[in-house]
Amino acid sequence: MQIEADVSKDGVLTAILPARYRGKRVHVIIDDEAEHATAQWAAISAVLDRAESTSIASRDHREILGEIRQFRESS
């Protein structure tokens, strides 16, 4: 279950939970989305940098389709 909560300036977390959790102890996990997204973008950027550094010749869609047709005909 995901919930939204408010955190006051002094660090007090306030959230409204369903009645079934009232009077019970719950475990709260904080997933800092900004840090997670930053790490993902860094990984994506690294992959793209490596891809750009390869010497793969760029082709337009007509060239790619032509090569696919040649491959199919050769099978």
Protein backbone atom coordinates (compact mmCIF):
# COMPACT_ATOMS: atom_id res chain seq x y z
CA MET A 1 0.00 0.00 0.00
CA GLN A 2 1.18 3.48 -0.73
CA ILE A 3 0.15 6.45 1.36
CA GLU A 4 0.91 10.12 1.27
CA ALA A 5 2.15 11.80 4.40
CA ASP A 6 3.10 15.25 5.56
CA VAL A 7 6.36 15.87 7.37
CA SER A 8 6.53 18.93 9.59
CA LYS A 9 9.63 21.12 9.86
CA ASP A 10 10.52 19.40 13.13
CA GLY A 11 10.36 15.96 11.45
CA VAL A 12 6.97 14.67 12.61
CA LEU A 13 5.29 12.42 10.04
CA THR A 14 1.50 12.72 9.77
CA ALA A 15 -0.51 10.26 7.67
CA ILE A 16 -4.09 9.03 7.66
CA LEU A 17 -4.28 5.23 7.43
CA PRO A 18 -7.24 2.88 7.01
CA ALA A 19 -9.08 1.85 10.17
CA ARG A 20 -7.55 -1.65 10.16
CA TYR A 21 -4.15 -0.15 11.10
CA ARG A 22 -5.38 1.93 14.02
CA GLY A 23 -3.77 0.93 17.30
CA LYS A 24 -1.18 -1.20 15.49
CA ARG A 25 2.49 -0.69 14.79
CA VAL A 26 3.33 -0.15 11.10
CA HIS A 27 6.65 -0.14 9.28
CA VAL A 28 7.36 2.95 7.16
CA ILE A 29 9.80 2.84 4.24
CA ILE A 30 10.82 6.08 2.58
CA ASP A 31 11.77 5.85 -1.07
CA ASP A 32 13.34 9.12 -2.08
CA GLU A 33 12.06 9.35 -5.64
CA ALA A 34 14.40 12.19 -6.56
CA GLU A 35 17.51 10.19 -5.64
CA HIS A 36 16.17 7.08 -7.37
CA ALA A 37 15.36 8.98 -10.56
CA THR A 38 18.77 10.66 -10.55
CA ALA A 39 20.52 7.30 -10.34
CA GLN A 40 18.39 5.91 -13.17
CA TRP A 41 19.12 8.88 -15.40
CA ALA A 42 22.84 8.57 -14.67
CA ALA A 43 22.74 4.90 -15.72
CA ILE A 44 20.78 5.70 -18.89
CA SER A 45 23.18 8.51 -19.72
CA ALA A 46 26.17 6.19 -19.32
CA VAL A 47 24.62 3.64 -21.68
CA LEU A 48 23.89 6.32 -24.27
CA ASP A 49 27.42 7.70 -23.99
CA ARG A 50 28.84 4.24 -24.65
CA ALA A 51 26.48 3.76 -27.60
CA GLU A 52 27.50 7.08 -29.13
CA SER A 53 31.18 6.23 -28.80
CA THR A 54 30.81 3.08 -30.95
CA SER A 55 31.51 3.34 -34.64
CA ILE A 56 28.11 2.17 -35.81
CA ALA A 57 27.21 3.82 -39.08
CA SER A 58 23.92 5.67 -38.92
CA ARG A 59 21.28 4.58 -41.43
CA ASP A 60 17.86 5.84 -42.33
CA HIS A 61 14.76 3.65 -42.21
CA ARG A 62 14.90 2.83 -45.95
CA GLU A 63 18.41 1.40 -45.61
CA ILE A 64 17.40 -0.66 -42.59
CA LEU A 65 14.31 -2.03 -44.35
CA GLY A 66 16.41 -2.87 -47.43
CA GLU A 67 18.85 -4.86 -45.30
CA ILE A 68 15.98 -6.71 -43.62
CA ARG A 69 14.55 -7.64 -47.02
CA GLN A 70 17.95 -8.88 -48.21
CA PHE A 71 18.32 -10.95 -45.05
CA ARG A 72 14.88 -12.53 -45.49
CA GLU A 73 15.58 -13.33 -49.15
CA SER A 74 18.91 -14.97 -48.29
CA SER A 75 17.26 -17.39 -45.81
